[in-house]
């Protein structure tokens, strides 16, 4: 499960990095393009910005999902299973 979460997080981070690079390239081309092409480039920039925000939101959602999954496993298996990832939940024990 840990490796799956790590792979998914890394994939989302790679998508964020790639989208940010493409957005920067579009912004640079927008500065150099003529006014006729500028509307089309501006529309593409807005689409890339939206996509970048969606990836960032997905990364935050993934962190919440991971924390929830780890917390459930910790609550059910804390007597039998010890792992460093569960250290942050030990403070919540009663």
Foldseek 3Di string as FASTA:
>chain_A
DVVVLVVVLVVLVVVLVVLVVVLVVLVVVLVVDDPVCNVVSVVVNVVSVVVNVVSVVVSVVSVVVVVVVLLVCCVVCVVPDDDPVCVVVVVVDD
